[in-house]
């Protein structure tokens, strides 16, 4: 593999910016030795970004994503400092230049405090974020919340279609949830893994333990190896073989399995203690979302497909 990516994730990775600088310097030296190409990305809460850090991101072409959950009320309910003060204002202040330069994306965590995805998306668009992805906090949602979320995901697809009808492709392309699913439908072919966890990505903790992705860090029984072992990824193959859609316990008869991929490995594990047992309530949301997105795809003109998928 010639193209590799290093992602800095936390906690909050900017709490140790000197280590990040040292890592990037080391990686760039290794890229010349081993003839590899590296890119860098980070997910940050945004409150620690300074002009120096921003310049570092720009110099090394970082893909930057910040955690922001919607408007001020929604975000501050979920993300506040030790003294109770919300982080919204500081986040906007520290990311202003990057938003103006279209150099930072947004990842919103959806909680019961705000389930109107259309509202959250439009708010984040107005703030100037480059890409916007909205992800439900599964363990904070009741059955009633899941029912609402299911409807809201469909409304998000309808909002995407409205943007296309208005030829506002720039805004539509910011809606990562819908565009991502449309791209999967467009590319065709079965999806035997939910994501690249353990296949083309691994996460490392402070002890050198390797995990299929960052969300598994701390779940020691899910470790697939250790940097300091002779066989660093001794259990990677077992994870890859075990985590395919063929082994998902309730997916064999599901029409959506080849687009869904069987759900997030870690969410399945956290909910059921088994990476191959999907979160049932989320399955219903996903099926309705995929149905709505397929219907949208079938209505796309060739010109719209060319614009959306770069053909």
C-alpha atoms as a PDB file:
ATOM      1  CA  UNK A   1       0.000   0.000   0.000  1.00  0.00           C
ATOM      2  CA  UNK A   2       1.618   3.237  -1.168  1.00  0.00           C
ATOM      3  CA  UNK A   3      -0.927   5.742   0.174  1.00  0.00           C
ATOM      4  CA  UNK A   4      -1.351   5.781   3.958  1.00  0.00           C
ATOM      5  CA  UNK A   5      -3.212   8.038   6.362  1.00  0.00           C
ATOM      6  CA  UNK A   6      -2.444   8.921   9.969  1.00  0.00           C
ATOM      7  CA  UNK A   7      -5.470  10.050  11.978  1.00  0.00           C
ATOM      8  CA  UNK A   8      -5.135  11.824  15.325  1.00  0.00           C
ATOM      9  CA  UNK A   9      -8.052  10.998  17.564  1.00  0.00           C
ATOM     10  CA  UNK A  10      -8.847  11.280  21.240  1.00  0.00           C
ATOM     11  CA  UNK A  11     -10.040  12.222  23.738  1.00  0.00           C
ATOM     12  CA  UNK A  12      -8.746  15.547  22.512  1.00  0.00           C
ATOM     13  CA  UNK A  13      -5.554  15.079  20.465  1.00  0.00           C
ATOM     14  CA  UNK A  14      -4.576  18.774  20.612  1.00  0.00           C
ATOM     15  CA  UNK A  15      -3.898  18.394  24.329  1.00  0.00           C
ATOM     16  CA  UNK A  16      -0.532  17.050  23.182  1.00  0.00           C
ATOM     17  CA  UNK A  17       0.239  19.121  20.102  1.00  0.00           C
ATOM     18  CA  UNK A  18       4.052  18.707  20.493  1.00  0.00           C
ATOM     19  CA  UNK A  19       3.643  14.929  20.117  1.00  0.00           C
ATOM     20  CA  UNK A  20       1.583  15.509  16.984  1.00  0.00           C
ATOM     21  CA  UNK A  21       4.357  17.706  15.543  1.00  0.00           C
ATOM     22  CA  UNK A  22       6.958  15.079  16.387  1.00  0.00           C
ATOM     23  CA  UNK A  23       4.855  12.334  14.814  1.00  0.00           C
ATOM     24  CA  UNK A  24       4.328  14.233  11.564  1.00  0.00           C
ATOM     25  CA  UNK A  25       8.046  15.000  11.360  1.00  0.00           C
ATOM     26  CA  UNK A  26       8.883  11.308  11.923  1.00  0.00           C
ATOM     27  CA  UNK A  27       6.306  10.123   9.374  1.00  0.00           C
ATOM     28  CA  UNK A  28       7.584  12.513   6.718  1.00  0.00           C
ATOM     29  CA  UNK A  29      11.123  11.177   7.193  1.00  0.00           C
ATOM     30  CA  UNK A  30       9.898   7.592   6.952  1.00  0.00           C
ATOM     31  CA  UNK A  31       7.918   8.378   3.802  1.00  0.00           C
ATOM     32  CA  UNK A  32      11.156   9.242   2.006  1.00  0.00           C
ATOM     33  CA  UNK A  33      12.939   6.142   3.283  1.00  0.00           C
ATOM     34  CA  UNK A  34      10.158   3.704   2.404  1.00  0.00           C
ATOM     35  CA  UNK A  35       8.757   5.541  -0.626  1.00  0.00           C
ATOM     36  CA  UNK A  36       5.288   5.854   0.859  1.00  0.00           C
ATOM     37  CA  UNK A  37       2.849   8.743   0.621  1.00  0.00           C
ATOM     38  CA  UNK A  38       1.215   9.864   3.857  1.00  0.00           C
ATOM     39  CA  UNK A  39      -1.733  12.121   4.537  1.00  0.00           C
ATOM     40  CA  UNK A  40      -2.953  13.357   7.908  1.00  0.00           C
ATOM     41  CA  UNK A  41      -6.335  13.953   9.507  1.00  0.00           C
ATOM     42  CA  UNK A  42      -7.688  14.884  12.913  1.00  0.00           C
ATOM     43  CA  UNK A  43     -10.944  15.016  14.823  1.00  0.00           C
ATOM     44  CA  UNK A  44     -10.874  17.763  17.451  1.00  0.00           C
ATOM     45  CA  UNK A  45     -13.306  19.671  19.647  1.00  0.00           C
ATOM     46  CA  UNK A  46     -11.888  22.832  18.072  1.00  0.00           C
ATOM     47  CA  UNK A  47     -11.400  24.817  21.262  1.00  0.00           C
ATOM     48  CA  UNK A  48      -7.594  24.496  21.289  1.00  0.00           C
ATOM     49  CA  UNK A  49      -6.924  25.575  17.688  1.00  0.00           C
ATOM     50  CA  UNK A  50      -4.511  28.516  17.574  1.00  0.00           C
ATOM     51  CA  UNK A  51      -2.984  30.393  14.608  1.00  0.00           C
ATOM     52  CA  UNK A  52       0.132  28.241  15.035  1.00  0.00           C
ATOM     53  CA  UNK A  53      -1.868  25.015  14.954  1.00  0.00           C
ATOM     54  CA  UNK A  54      -3.956  26.211  12.009  1.00  0.00           C
ATOM     55  CA  UNK A  55      -0.775  26.971  10.052  1.00  0.00           C
ATOM     56  CA  UNK A  56       0.538  23.517  10.916  1.00  0.00           C
ATOM     57  CA  UNK A  57      -2.652  21.935   9.584  1.00  0.00           C
ATOM     58  CA  UNK A  58      -2.411  23.914   6.363  1.00  0.00           C
ATOM     59  CA  UNK A  59       1.288  23.225   5.867  1.00  0.00           C
ATOM     60  CA  UNK A  60       0.820  19.474   6.201  1.00  0.00           C
ATOM     61  CA  UNK A  61      -2.533  19.346   4.371  1.00  0.00           C
ATOM     62  CA  UNK A  62      -4.511  17.961   7.293  1.00  0.00           C
ATOM     63  CA  UNK A  63      -8.096  16.876   6.849  1.00  0.00           C
ATOM     64  CA  UNK A  64      -9.714  18.529   9.880  1.00  0.00           C
ATOM     65  CA  UNK A  65     -13.063  17.659  11.433  1.00  0.00           C
ATOM     66  CA  UNK A  66     -14.537  19.209  14.555  1.00  0.00           C
ATOM     67  CA  UNK A  67     -17.240  17.934  16.875  1.00  0.00           C
ATOM     68  CA  UNK A  68     -20.208  20.315  16.834  1.00  0.00           C
ATOM     69  CA  UNK A  69     -23.707  19.047  17.442  1.00  0.00           C
ATOM     70  CA  UNK A  70     -25.849  21.832  15.969  1.00  0.00           C
ATOM     71  CA  UNK A  71     -26.885  25.240  17.235  1.00  0.00           C
ATOM     72  CA  UNK A  72     -25.645  26.858  20.432  1.00  0.00           C
ATOM     73  CA  UNK A  73     -28.298  25.350  22.706  1.00  0.00           C
ATOM     74  CA  UNK A  74     -27.862  21.833  21.332  1.00  0.00           C
ATOM     75  CA  UNK A  75     -24.074  21.886  21.331  1.00  0.00           C
ATOM     76  CA  UNK A  76     -23.700  23.403  24.810  1.00  0.00           C
ATOM     77  CA  UNK A  77     -26.112  20.864  26.286  1.00  0.00           C
ATOM     78  CA  UNK A  78     -23.778  18.088  25.154  1.00  0.00           C
ATOM     79  CA  UNK A  79     -20.331  19.725  25.280  1.00  0.00           C
ATOM     80  CA  UNK A  80     -19.317  21.949  28.146  1.00  0.00           C
ATOM     81  CA  UNK A  81     -16.258  22.689  30.252  1.00  0.00           C
ATOM     82  CA  UNK A  82     -15.659  21.543  33.805  1.00  0.00           C
ATOM     83  CA  UNK A  83     -17.295  24.647  35.238  1.00  0.00           C
ATOM     84  CA  UNK A  84     -20.436  24.120  33.162  1.00  0.00           C
ATOM     85  CA  UNK A  85     -19.719  26.776  30.518  1.00  0.00           C
ATOM     86  CA  UNK A  86     -20.674  25.687  27.003  1.00  0.00           C
ATOM     87  CA  UNK A  87     -17.939  25.391  24.370  1.00  0.00           C
ATOM     88  CA  UNK A  88     -19.939  26.648  21.361  1.00  0.00           C
ATOM     89  CA  UNK A  89     -18.714  30.256  21.307  1.00  0.00           C
ATOM     90  CA  UNK A  90     -15.070  29.317  21.788  1.00  0.00           C
ATOM     91  CA  UNK A  91     -15.285  26.633  19.112  1.00  0.00           C
ATOM     92  CA  UNK A  92     -16.652  29.131  16.587  1.00  0.00           C
ATOM     93  CA  UNK A  93     -14.014  31.697  17.519  1.00  0.00           C
ATOM     94  CA  UNK A  94     -11.139  29.222  17.154  1.00  0.00           C
ATOM     95  CA  UNK A  95     -12.411  27.770  13.849  1.00  0.00           C
ATOM     96  CA  UNK A  96     -13.512  31.008  12.157  1.00  0.00           C
ATOM     97  CA  UNK A  97     -10.614  31.292   9.719  1.00  0.00           C
ATOM     98  CA  UNK A  98     -10.704  27.599   8.844  1.00  0.00           C
ATOM     99  CA  UNK A  99     -14.441  27.779   8.182  1.00  0.00           C
ATOM    100  CA  UNK A 100     -13.941  30.844   5.992  1.00  0.00           C
ATOM    101  CA  UNK A 101     -11.241  28.930   4.085  1.00  0.00           C
ATOM    102  CA  UNK A 102     -13.484  25.827   3.757  1.00  0.00           C
ATOM    103  CA  UNK A 103     -10.794  23.798   5.508  1.00  0.00           C
ATOM    104  CA  UNK A 104     -12.794  22.160   8.294  1.00  0.00           C
ATOM    105  CA  UNK A 105     -15.704  19.711   8.436  1.00  0.00           C
ATOM    106  CA  UNK A 106     -18.306  19.087  11.124  1.00  0.00           C
ATOM    107  CA  UNK A 107     -19.359  15.902  12.863  1.00  0.00           C
ATOM    108  CA  UNK A 108     -22.558  16.265  14.850  1.00  0.00           C
ATOM    109  CA  UNK A 109     -23.645  13.782  17.478  1.00  0.00           C
ATOM    110  CA  UNK A 110     -27.426  13.429  17.468  1.00  0.00           C
ATOM    111  CA  UNK A 111     -28.988  13.202  20.934  1.00  0.00           C
ATOM    112  CA  UNK A 112     -32.554  13.613  22.256  1.00  0.00           C
ATOM    113  CA  UNK A 113     -31.924  17.318  22.823  1.00  0.00           C
ATOM    114  CA  UNK A 114     -32.236  17.877  19.050  1.00  0.00           C
ATOM    115  CA  UNK A 115     -33.535  15.251  16.638  1.00  0.00           C
ATOM    116  CA  UNK A 116     -34.383  17.679  13.821  1.00  0.00           C
ATOM    117  CA  UNK A 117     -31.554  16.734  11.453  1.00  0.00           C
ATOM    118  CA  UNK A 118     -32.697  19.178   8.784  1.00  0.00           C
ATOM    119  CA  UNK A 119     -32.383  22.037  11.285  1.00  0.00           C
ATOM    120  CA  UNK A 120     -28.940  20.939  12.490  1.00  0.00           C
ATOM    121  CA  UNK A 121     -27.632  20.478   8.952  1.00  0.00           C
ATOM    122  CA  UNK A 122     -28.825  23.898   7.796  1.00  0.00           C
ATOM    123  CA  UNK A 123     -27.302  25.553  10.854  1.00  0.00           C
ATOM    124  CA  UNK A 124     -23.914  23.951  10.248  1.00  0.00           C
ATOM    125  CA  UNK A 125     -24.061  24.905   6.561  1.00  0.00           C
ATOM    126  CA  UNK A 126     -24.583  28.545   7.535  1.00  0.00           C
ATOM    127  CA  UNK A 127     -21.511  28.351   9.758  1.00  0.00           C
ATOM    128  CA  UNK A 128     -19.424  27.442   6.711  1.00  0.00           C
ATOM    129  CA  UNK A 129     -18.339  23.884   7.430  1.00  0.00           C
ATOM    130  CA  UNK A 130     -16.943  22.042   4.413  1.00  0.00           C
ATOM    131  CA  UNK A 131     -18.594  18.665   5.071  1.00  0.00           C
ATOM    132  CA  UNK A 132     -21.283  17.716   7.596  1.00  0.00           C
ATOM    133  CA  UNK A 133     -21.942  14.261   9.025  1.00  0.00           C
ATOM    134  CA  UNK A 134     -24.646  13.607  11.629  1.00  0.00           C
ATOM    135  CA  UNK A 135     -24.334  10.474  13.747  1.00  0.00           C
ATOM    136  CA  UNK A 136     -26.791   9.269  16.430  1.00  0.00           C
ATOM    137  CA  UNK A 137     -25.603   8.654  19.965  1.00  0.00           C
ATOM    138  CA  UNK A 138     -27.228   5.239  20.088  1.00  0.00           C
ATOM    139  CA  UNK A 139     -27.167   4.712  23.815  1.00  0.00           C
ATOM    140  CA  UNK A 140     -28.944   7.970  24.629  1.00  0.00           C
ATOM    141  CA  UNK A 141     -31.960   7.218  22.416  1.00  0.00           C
ATOM    142  CA  UNK A 142     -35.198   5.568  23.537  1.00  0.00           C
ATOM    143  CA  UNK A 143     -37.523   3.553  21.286  1.00  0.00           C
ATOM    144  CA  UNK A 144     -39.537   6.721  20.711  1.00  0.00           C
ATOM    145  CA  UNK A 145     -36.384   8.616  19.752  1.00  0.00           C
ATOM    146  CA  UNK A 146     -35.486   5.907  17.231  1.00  0.00           C
ATOM    147  CA  UNK A 147     -38.903   6.282  15.609  1.00  0.00           C
ATOM    148  CA  UNK A 148     -38.332  10.026  15.297  1.00  0.00           C
ATOM    149  CA  UNK A 149     -34.796   9.506  14.014  1.00  0.00           C
ATOM    150  CA  UNK A 150     -36.072   7.166  11.315  1.00  0.00           C
ATOM    151  CA  UNK A 151     -38.407   9.867  10.000  1.00  0.00           C
ATOM    152  CA  UNK A 152     -35.725  12.530  10.277  1.00  0.00           C
ATOM    153  CA  UNK A 153     -33.261  10.513   8.204  1.00  0.00           C
ATOM    154  CA  UNK A 154     -35.876  10.315   5.437  1.00  0.00           C
ATOM    155  CA  UNK A 155     -36.430  14.072   5.720  1.00  0.00           C
ATOM    156  CA  UNK A 156     -32.691  14.551   5.301  1.00  0.00           C
ATOM    157  CA  UNK A 157     -32.871  12.701   1.979  1.00  0.00           C
ATOM    158  CA  UNK A 158     -35.797  14.898   0.968  1.00  0.00           C
ATOM    159  CA  UNK A 159     -33.741  17.965   1.848  1.00  0.00           C
ATOM    160  CA  UNK A 160     -30.938  16.662  -0.368  1.00  0.00           C
ATOM    161  CA  UNK A 161     -33.389  16.226  -3.242  1.00  0.00           C
ATOM    162  CA  UNK A 162     -34.673  19.769  -2.715  1.00  0.00           C
ATOM    163  CA  UNK A 163     -31.113  21.077  -2.989  1.00  0.00           C
ATOM    164  CA  UNK A 164     -30.653  19.204  -6.259  1.00  0.00           C
ATOM    165  CA  UNK A 165     -33.880  20.634  -7.654  1.00  0.00           C
ATOM    166  CA  UNK A 166     -32.602  24.117  -6.794  1.00  0.00           C
ATOM    167  CA  UNK A 167     -29.250  23.227  -8.406  1.00  0.00           C
ATOM    168  CA  UNK A 168     -27.500  23.959  -5.115  1.00  0.00           C
ATOM    169  CA  UNK A 169     -24.960  21.200  -5.614  1.00  0.00           C
ATOM    170  CA  UNK A 170     -22.361  22.825  -3.374  1.00  0.00           C
ATOM    171  CA  UNK A 171     -24.640  22.516  -0.339  1.00  0.00           C
ATOM    172  CA  UNK A 172     -25.880  19.061  -1.310  1.00  0.00           C
ATOM    173  CA  UNK A 173     -22.313  17.756  -1.458  1.00  0.00           C
ATOM    174  CA  UNK A 174     -21.832  18.839   2.157  1.00  0.00           C
ATOM    175  CA  UNK A 175     -24.476  16.357   3.323  1.00  0.00           C
ATOM    176  CA  UNK A 176     -22.144  13.419   3.920  1.00  0.00           C
ATOM    177  CA  UNK A 177     -24.820  11.022   5.221  1.00  0.00           C
ATOM    178  CA  UNK A 178     -26.864  11.099   2.007  1.00  0.00           C
ATOM    179  CA  UNK A 179     -24.034  11.587  -0.466  1.00  0.00           C
ATOM    180  CA  UNK A 180     -22.135   8.690   1.094  1.00  0.00           C
ATOM    181  CA  UNK A 181     -25.059   6.284   0.679  1.00  0.00           C
ATOM    182  CA  UNK A 182     -25.758   7.524  -2.842  1.00  0.00           C
ATOM    183  CA  UNK A 183     -22.114   6.837  -3.713  1.00  0.00           C
ATOM    184  CA  UNK A 184     -22.393   3.268  -2.420  1.00  0.00           C
ATOM    185  CA  UNK A 185     -25.505   2.691  -4.503  1.00  0.00           C
ATOM    186  CA  UNK A 186     -23.828   4.207  -7.541  1.00  0.00           C
ATOM    187  CA  UNK A 187     -20.633   2.173  -7.245  1.00  0.00           C
ATOM    188  CA  UNK A 188     -22.558  -1.117  -6.992  1.00  0.00           C
ATOM    189  CA  UNK A 189     -21.221  -4.448  -5.784  1.00  0.00           C
ATOM    190  CA  UNK A 190     -21.697  -6.190  -2.421  1.00  0.00           C
ATOM    191  CA  UNK A 191     -20.373  -4.643   0.759  1.00  0.00           C
ATOM    192  CA  UNK A 192     -19.090  -7.516   2.884  1.00  0.00           C
ATOM    193  CA  UNK A 193     -17.641  -5.274   5.639  1.00  0.00           C
ATOM    194  CA  UNK A 194     -19.388  -2.342   7.269  1.00  0.00           C
ATOM    195  CA  UNK A 195     -16.228  -0.227   7.091  1.00  0.00           C
ATOM    196  CA  UNK A 196     -12.458  -0.492   6.871  1.00  0.00           C
ATOM    197  CA  UNK A 197     -11.978  -1.316  10.547  1.00  0.00           C
ATOM    198  CA  UNK A 198      -9.296  -3.973  10.845  1.00  0.00           C
ATOM    199  CA  UNK A 199      -8.995  -4.326   7.066  1.00  0.00           C
ATOM    200  CA  UNK A 200      -7.393  -1.080   5.934  1.00  0.00           C
ATOM    201  CA  UNK A 201      -7.305   0.723   9.280  1.00  0.00           C
ATOM    202  CA  UNK A 202      -6.062   0.080  12.806  1.00  0.00           C
ATOM    203  CA  UNK A 203      -5.934   2.183  15.961  1.00  0.00           C
ATOM    204  CA  UNK A 204      -3.164   2.205  18.544  1.00  0.00           C
ATOM    205  CA  UNK A 205      -3.392   3.031  22.250  1.00  0.00           C
ATOM    206  CA  UNK A 206      -0.668   4.374  24.560  1.00  0.00           C
ATOM    207  CA  UNK A 207       0.519   0.833  25.370  1.00  0.00           C
ATOM    208  CA  UNK A 208       0.979  -0.113  21.734  1.00  0.00           C
ATOM    209  CA  UNK A 209      -2.139  -2.283  21.634  1.00  0.00           C
ATOM    210  CA  UNK A 210      -3.727  -2.351  18.182  1.00  0.00           C
ATOM    211  CA  UNK A 211      -7.474  -2.314  17.611  1.00  0.00           C
ATOM    212  CA  UNK A 212      -9.712  -2.536  14.532  1.00  0.00           C
ATOM    213  CA  UNK A 213     -10.612   1.158  14.958  1.00  0.00           C
ATOM    214  CA  UNK A 214     -10.454   3.997  17.480  1.00  0.00           C
ATOM    215  CA  UNK A 215     -13.856   3.107  18.928  1.00  0.00           C
ATOM    216  CA  UNK A 216     -12.514  -0.231  20.211  1.00  0.00           C
ATOM    217  CA  UNK A 217      -9.652   1.333  22.176  1.00  0.00           C
ATOM    218  CA  UNK A 218     -10.076   0.282  25.809  1.00  0.00           C
ATOM    219  CA  UNK A 219     -11.851  -2.975  24.887  1.00  0.00           C
ATOM    220  CA  UNK A 220      -8.774  -5.136  25.464  1.00  0.00           C
ATOM    221  CA  UNK A 221     -10.508  -8.348  24.390  1.00  0.00           C
ATOM    222  CA  UNK A 222     -10.923  -6.771  20.940  1.00  0.00           C
ATOM    223  CA  UNK A 223      -7.219  -6.057  20.446  1.00  0.00           C
ATOM    224  CA  UNK A 224      -5.808  -7.497  17.221  1.00  0.00           C
ATOM    225  CA  UNK A 225      -2.136  -7.232  18.193  1.00  0.00           C
ATOM    226  CA  UNK A 226       0.562  -5.028  19.682  1.00  0.00           C
ATOM    227  CA  UNK A 227       3.254  -2.842  18.117  1.00  0.00           C
ATOM    228  CA  UNK A 228       5.912  -4.382  20.312  1.00  0.00           C
ATOM    229  CA  UNK A 229       5.166  -8.003  19.430  1.00  0.00           C
ATOM    230  CA  UNK A 230       7.096  -9.817  16.726  1.00  0.00           C
ATOM    231  CA  UNK A 231       3.833 -10.531  14.925  1.00  0.00           C
ATOM    232  CA  UNK A 232       2.304  -7.095  15.378  1.00  0.00           C
ATOM    233  CA  UNK A 233      -1.127  -7.924  13.939  1.00  0.00           C
ATOM    234  CA  UNK A 234      -1.400 -11.520  15.074  1.00  0.00           C
ATOM    235  CA  UNK A 235      -5.204 -11.474  15.359  1.00  0.00           C
ATOM    236  CA  UNK A 236      -6.026  -9.216  12.424  1.00  0.00           C
ATOM    237  CA  UNK A 237      -6.882 -12.029  10.016  1.00  0.00           C
ATOM    238  CA  UNK A 238      -9.264 -13.607  12.514  1.00  0.00           C
ATOM    239  CA  UNK A 239     -11.079 -10.292  12.936  1.00  0.00           C
ATOM    240  CA  UNK A 240     -11.367  -9.736   9.179  1.00  0.00           C
ATOM    241  CA  UNK A 241     -12.761 -13.229   8.607  1.00  0.00           C
ATOM    242  CA  UNK A 242     -15.150 -13.028  11.542  1.00  0.00           C
ATOM    243  CA  UNK A 243     -16.542  -9.565  10.806  1.00  0.00           C
ATOM    244  CA  UNK A 244     -17.941 -10.090   7.305  1.00  0.00           C
ATOM    245  CA  UNK A 245     -21.628  -9.664   6.506  1.00  0.00           C
ATOM    246  CA  UNK A 246     -21.822 -13.454   6.102  1.00  0.00           C
ATOM    247  CA  UNK A 247     -21.392 -13.839   9.853  1.00  0.00           C
ATOM    248  CA  UNK A 248     -23.942 -11.218  10.932  1.00  0.00           C
ATOM    249  CA  UNK A 249     -26.532 -13.094  12.977  1.00  0.00           C
ATOM    250  CA  UNK A 250     -29.671 -11.389  11.642  1.00  0.00           C
ATOM    251  CA  UNK A 251     -28.530 -10.088   8.264  1.00  0.00           C
ATOM    252  CA  UNK A 252     -28.813 -13.159   6.019  1.00  0.00           C
ATOM    253  CA  UNK A 253     -32.407 -12.402   5.012  1.00  0.00           C
ATOM    254  CA  UNK A 254     -32.125  -8.613   5.015  1.00  0.00           C
ATOM    255  CA  UNK A 255     -32.448  -6.991   1.581  1.00  0.00           C
ATOM    256  CA  UNK A 256     -30.263  -4.045   2.662  1.00  0.00           C
ATOM    257  CA  UNK A 257     -27.249  -6.036   3.859  1.00  0.00           C
ATOM    258  CA  UNK A 258     -25.024  -5.335   0.845  1.00  0.00           C
ATOM    259  CA  UNK A 259     -25.451  -1.582   1.279  1.00  0.00           C
ATOM    260  CA  UNK A 260     -25.500  -1.540   5.077  1.00  0.00           C
ATOM    261  CA  UNK A 261     -22.675  -3.972   5.735  1.00  0.00           C
ATOM    262  CA  UNK A 262     -24.193  -5.228   8.972  1.00  0.00           C
ATOM    263  CA  UNK A 263     -23.754  -2.228  11.219  1.00  0.00           C
ATOM    264  CA  UNK A 264     -20.797  -0.745  13.080  1.00  0.00           C
ATOM    265  CA  UNK A 265     -18.637  -3.481  14.633  1.00  0.00           C
ATOM    266  CA  UNK A 266     -18.094  -1.542  17.843  1.00  0.00           C
ATOM    267  CA  UNK A 267     -21.729  -0.489  18.261  1.00  0.00           C
ATOM    268  CA  UNK A 268     -22.776  -4.104  17.810  1.00  0.00           C
ATOM    269  CA  UNK A 269     -20.208  -5.201  20.386  1.00  0.00           C
ATOM    270  CA  UNK A 270     -21.143  -2.509  22.885  1.00  0.00           C
ATOM    271  CA  UNK A 271     -24.864  -3.223  22.590  1.00  0.00           C
ATOM    272  CA  UNK A 272     -24.790  -7.010  22.345  1.00  0.00           C
ATOM    273  CA  UNK A 273     -21.280  -8.184  23.273  1.00  0.00           C
ATOM    274  CA  UNK A 274     -20.917  -9.533  19.737  1.00  0.00           C
ATOM    275  CA  UNK A 275     -19.620  -7.654  16.683  1.00  0.00           C
ATOM    276  CA  UNK A 276     -21.884  -9.782  14.480  1.00  0.00           C
ATOM    277  CA  UNK A 277     -25.179  -9.033  16.191  1.00  0.00           C
ATOM    278  CA  UNK A 278     -26.526  -5.737  14.823  1.00  0.00           C
ATOM    279  CA  UNK A 279     -28.415  -3.181  16.903  1.00  0.00           C
ATOM    280  CA  UNK A 280     -31.992  -4.068  15.987  1.00  0.00           C
ATOM    281  CA  UNK A 281     -33.496  -0.617  16.534  1.00  0.00           C
ATOM    282  CA  UNK A 282     -30.860   0.931  14.311  1.00  0.00           C
ATOM    283  CA  UNK A 283     -31.547  -1.622  11.571  1.00  0.00           C
ATOM    284  CA  UNK A 284     -35.044  -0.205  11.092  1.00  0.00           C
ATOM    285  CA  UNK A 285     -33.672   3.330  10.806  1.00  0.00           C
ATOM    286  CA  UNK A 286     -31.038   2.204   8.307  1.00  0.00           C
ATOM    287  CA  UNK A 287     -33.506   0.284   6.138  1.00  0.00           C
ATOM    288  CA  UNK A 288     -35.811   3.283   5.807  1.00  0.00           C
ATOM    289  CA  UNK A 289     -32.880   5.574   5.072  1.00  0.00           C
ATOM    290  CA  UNK A 290     -31.545   3.234   2.374  1.00  0.00           C
ATOM    291  CA  UNK A 291     -35.005   2.840   0.832  1.00  0.00           C
ATOM    292  CA  UNK A 292     -35.407   6.589   0.614  1.00  0.00           C
ATOM    293  CA  UNK A 293     -31.912   7.038  -0.814  1.00  0.00           C
ATOM    294  CA  UNK A 294     -32.452   4.347  -3.471  1.00  0.00           C
ATOM    295  CA  UNK A 295     -35.654   6.105  -4.550  1.00  0.00           C
ATOM    296  CA  UNK A 296     -33.709   9.354  -4.819  1.00  0.00           C
ATOM    297  CA  UNK A 297     -30.929   7.694  -6.827  1.00  0.00           C
ATOM    298  CA  UNK A 298     -33.417   6.315  -9.342  1.00  0.00           C
ATOM    299  CA  UNK A 299     -34.653   9.853  -9.983  1.00  0.00           C
ATOM    300  CA  UNK A 300     -31.222  11.362 -10.633  1.00  0.00           C
ATOM    301  CA  UNK A 301     -30.560  12.628 -14.133  1.00  0.00           C
ATOM    302  CA  UNK A 302     -27.318  11.722 -15.864  1.00  0.00           C
ATOM    303  CA  UNK A 303     -26.157  15.308 -15.407  1.00  0.00           C
ATOM    304  CA  UNK A 304     -26.824  15.129 -11.668  1.00  0.00           C
ATOM    305  CA  UNK A 305     -24.935  11.845 -11.421  1.00  0.00           C
ATOM    306  CA  UNK A 306     -21.988  13.345 -13.235  1.00  0.00           C
ATOM    307  CA  UNK A 307     -21.915  16.298 -10.828  1.00  0.00           C
ATOM    308  CA  UNK A 308     -22.355  14.233  -7.669  1.00  0.00           C
ATOM    309  CA  UNK A 309     -20.010  11.368  -8.521  1.00  0.00           C
ATOM    310  CA  UNK A 310     -17.408  13.200 -10.579  1.00  0.00           C
ATOM    311  CA  UNK A 311     -17.913  11.394 -13.858  1.00  0.00           C
END
